[in-house]
Amino acid sequence: MLKGKNVAILIQRQHKTKIPVELLRTAAKEALAEKELKAEKVEVSILLIDDAEMARMNQQYRGKEGPTDVLSFAQNDGMVMPGTSKMLGDVVISIDTAERQALAAGRTVEEEIAQLVIHGVLHLLGYDDVNQTGYEEMVEVGQRVWERVSI
């Protein structure tokens, strides 16, 4: 298991809504703790965007119309140079969609975005929710991670 100092969480904001960066880092690190990782150092990037950009990305990468809440892009090349971090991948979150979902679920925007970070990082770790069994596993693991993230 990785120690916190060996995890780099890079956050890029392209949206005006301010979300506590430490919350995003905590959510990502707690999700990463769910799997034994072979790399000494791991890097994950989180991109916060609006619905227009998310719709463009959803169309380009998934062939689906309109925005979605979170997309994950795993870096599966396996190449890690000694002394460097393994880039696990990117998690892209639509703040606009997260705001609507938070309102509908009775959560804060911060809670919703932290949940989406957890979900996105679990995808980078190989969890998949395309079938019922995978979905149930992701919900269970996501809940376990969420319990460790304090808001």
Protein backbone atom coordinates (compact mmCIF):
# COMPACT_ATOMS: atom_id res chain seq x y z
CA MET A 1 0.00 0.00 0.00
CA LEU A 2 1.22 3.50 -0.76
CA LYS A 3 1.97 6.01 1.92
CA GLY A 4 0.36 9.46 1.51
CA LYS A 5 3.65 11.14 0.63
CA ASN A 6 4.04 8.85 -2.37
CA VAL A 7 0.77 9.94 -3.96
CA ALA A 8 0.59 13.05 -6.13
CA ILE A 9 -2.89 14.41 -6.84
CA LEU A 10 -2.81 17.13 -9.48
CA ILE A 11 -5.90 19.34 -9.69
CA GLN A 12 -6.75 21.63 -12.58
CA ARG A 13 -9.76 23.91 -12.32
CA GLN A 14 -11.48 25.11 -15.45
CA HIS A 15 -14.66 26.05 -13.61
CA LYS A 16 -15.49 29.08 -11.47
CA THR A 17 -16.91 27.09 -8.52
CA LYS A 18 -14.36 26.78 -5.74
CA ILE A 19 -14.07 23.31 -4.25
CA PRO A 20 -11.71 22.60 -1.32
CA VAL A 21 -8.61 21.06 -2.88
CA GLU A 22 -7.75 19.11 0.27
CA LEU A 23 -11.12 17.34 0.14
CA LEU A 24 -10.42 16.19 -3.44
CA ARG A 25 -6.96 14.98 -2.48
CA THR A 26 -8.30 13.10 0.56
CA ALA A 27 -11.03 11.41 -1.51
CA ALA A 28 -8.51 10.35 -4.17
CA LYS A 29 -5.95 9.06 -1.65
CA GLU A 30 -8.57 7.09 0.28
CA ALA A 31 -9.80 5.50 -2.97
CA LEU A 32 -6.22 4.63 -3.94
CA ALA A 33 -5.79 2.88 -0.58
CA GLU A 34 -8.30 0.24 -1.73
CA LYS A 35 -5.78 -1.59 -3.90
CA GLU A 36 -2.23 -2.72 -3.42
CA LEU A 37 -0.26 -0.76 -5.99
CA LYS A 38 3.09 -2.00 -7.21
CA ALA A 39 4.53 1.41 -8.04
CA GLU A 40 6.45 3.30 -5.36
CA LYS A 41 4.89 6.58 -6.40
CA VAL A 42 1.51 7.19 -8.04
CA GLU A 43 0.08 10.25 -9.75
CA VAL A 44 -3.57 11.04 -10.51
CA SER A 45 -4.88 14.19 -12.14
CA ILE A 46 -8.33 15.67 -11.52
CA LEU A 47 -9.85 18.11 -13.99
CA LEU A 48 -12.89 20.20 -13.01
CA ILE A 49 -14.87 21.45 -16.03
CA ASP A 50 -18.30 22.69 -17.10
CA ASP A 51 -21.10 20.82 -18.89
CA ALA A 52 -20.19 22.18 -22.33
CA GLU A 53 -16.66 20.78 -22.16
CA MET A 54 -17.88 17.54 -20.60
CA ALA A 55 -20.45 17.08 -23.41
CA ARG A 56 -17.65 17.57 -25.96
CA MET A 57 -15.46 15.00 -24.20
CA ASN A 58 -18.33 12.54 -23.71
CA GLN A 59 -19.07 12.70 -27.45
CA GLN A 60 -15.42 12.44 -28.46
CA TYR A 61 -14.40 9.59 -26.18
CA ARG A 62 -17.62 7.65 -25.58
CA GLY A 63 -19.76 8.59 -28.59
CA LYS A 64 -22.54 9.75 -26.25
CA GLU A 65 -24.52 12.97 -26.48
CA GLY A 66 -24.60 15.47 -23.63
CA PRO A 67 -22.61 15.81 -20.43
CA THR A 68 -21.99 13.14 -17.84
CA ASP A 69 -20.83 13.56 -14.26
CA VAL A 70 -17.41 11.89 -14.36
CA LEU A 71 -15.05 10.38 -16.91
CA SER A 72 -11.90 8.40 -16.12
CA PHE A 73 -8.97 7.92 -18.45
CA ALA A 74 -6.55 5.23 -17.26
CA GLN A 75 -2.91 5.27 -18.31
CA ASN A 76 -2.29 1.57 -18.84
CA ASP A 77 1.12 1.59 -20.50
CA GLY A 78 2.81 0.12 -17.40
CA MET A 79 6.02 2.03 -18.09
CA VAL A 80 7.57 3.62 -15.01
CA MET A 81 11.09 4.98 -15.02
CA PRO A 82 13.00 4.41 -11.77
CA GLY A 83 12.50 7.32 -9.38
CA THR A 84 9.44 8.65 -11.20
CA SER A 85 5.72 8.40 -10.49
CA LYS A 86 3.38 5.99 -12.24
CA MET A 87 0.68 8.07 -13.88
CA LEU A 88 -2.50 6.15 -13.04
CA GLY A 89 -4.72 8.43 -15.10
CA ASP A 90 -7.11 11.35 -15.23
CA VAL A 91 -10.48 11.93 -13.57
CA VAL A 92 -12.64 14.57 -15.26
CA ILE A 93 -15.64 15.97 -13.38
CA SER A 94 -18.41 18.25 -14.60
CA ILE A 95 -19.09 20.72 -11.80
CA ASP A 96 -22.40 21.75 -13.42
CA THR A 97 -23.70 18.18 -13.42
CA ALA A 98 -22.37 17.61 -9.89
CA GLU A 99 -24.27 20.70 -8.69
CA ARG A 100 -27.54 19.37 -10.11
CA GLN A 101 -26.96 15.89 -8.70
CA ALA A 102 -26.10 17.29 -5.26
CA LEU A 103 -29.31 19.29 -5.20
CA ALA A 104 -31.39 16.27 -6.23
CA ALA A 105 -29.72 14.00 -3.65
CA GLY A 106 -29.80 16.50 -0.78
CA ARG A 107 -25.99 16.64 -0.53
CA THR A 108 -23.56 19.51 -0.67
CA VAL A 109 -21.67 20.12 -3.91
CA GLU A 110 -18.46 19.28 -2.06
CA GLU A 111 -19.85 15.89 -0.99
CA GLU A 112 -21.04 15.12 -4.53
CA ILE A 113 -17.70 16.01 -6.08
CA ALA A 114 -15.81 13.97 -3.48
CA GLN A 115 -18.08 11.00 -4.34
CA LEU A 116 -17.30 11.51 -8.03
CA VAL A 117 -13.55 11.63 -7.33
CA ILE A 118 -13.85 8.33 -5.46
CA HIS A 119 -15.85 6.79 -8.31
CA GLY A 120 -13.40 8.04 -10.94
CA VAL A 121 -10.32 6.82 -9.07
CA LEU A 122 -11.91 3.40 -8.52
CA HIS A 123 -12.29 3.16 -12.31
CA LEU A 124 -8.56 3.98 -12.65
CA LEU A 125 -7.86 1.09 -10.28
CA GLY A 126 -9.77 -1.31 -12.52
CA TYR A 127 -13.20 -1.37 -10.92
CA ASP A 128 -16.01 -1.35 -13.47
CA ASP A 129 -19.74 -0.86 -13.18
CA VAL A 130 -20.90 -2.04 -16.60
CA ASN A 131 -22.72 -5.09 -15.20
CA GLN A 132 -24.72 -5.69 -12.00
CA THR A 133 -21.93 -7.53 -10.18
CA GLY A 134 -19.37 -4.84 -10.98
CA TYR A 135 -21.83 -2.12 -10.07
CA GLU A 136 -22.54 -3.71 -6.67
CA GLU A 137 -18.81 -4.10 -5.99
CA MET A 138 -18.14 -0.45 -6.88
CA VAL A 139 -20.98 0.73 -4.64
CA GLU A 140 -19.67 -1.35 -1.74
CA VAL A 141 -16.06 -0.22 -2.17
CA GLY A 142 -17.13 3.39 -2.78
CA GLN A 143 -19.16 3.38 0.44
CA ARG A 144 -16.22 1.98 2.39
CA VAL A 145 -13.97 4.73 1.01
CA TRP A 146 -16.62 7.40 1.66
CA GLU A 147 -16.76 6.41 5.33
CA ARG A 148 -13.05 7.27 5.64
CA VAL A 149 -13.43 10.67 3.98
CA SER A 150 -14.50 13.24 6.56
CA ILE A 151 -16.34 16.35 5.47
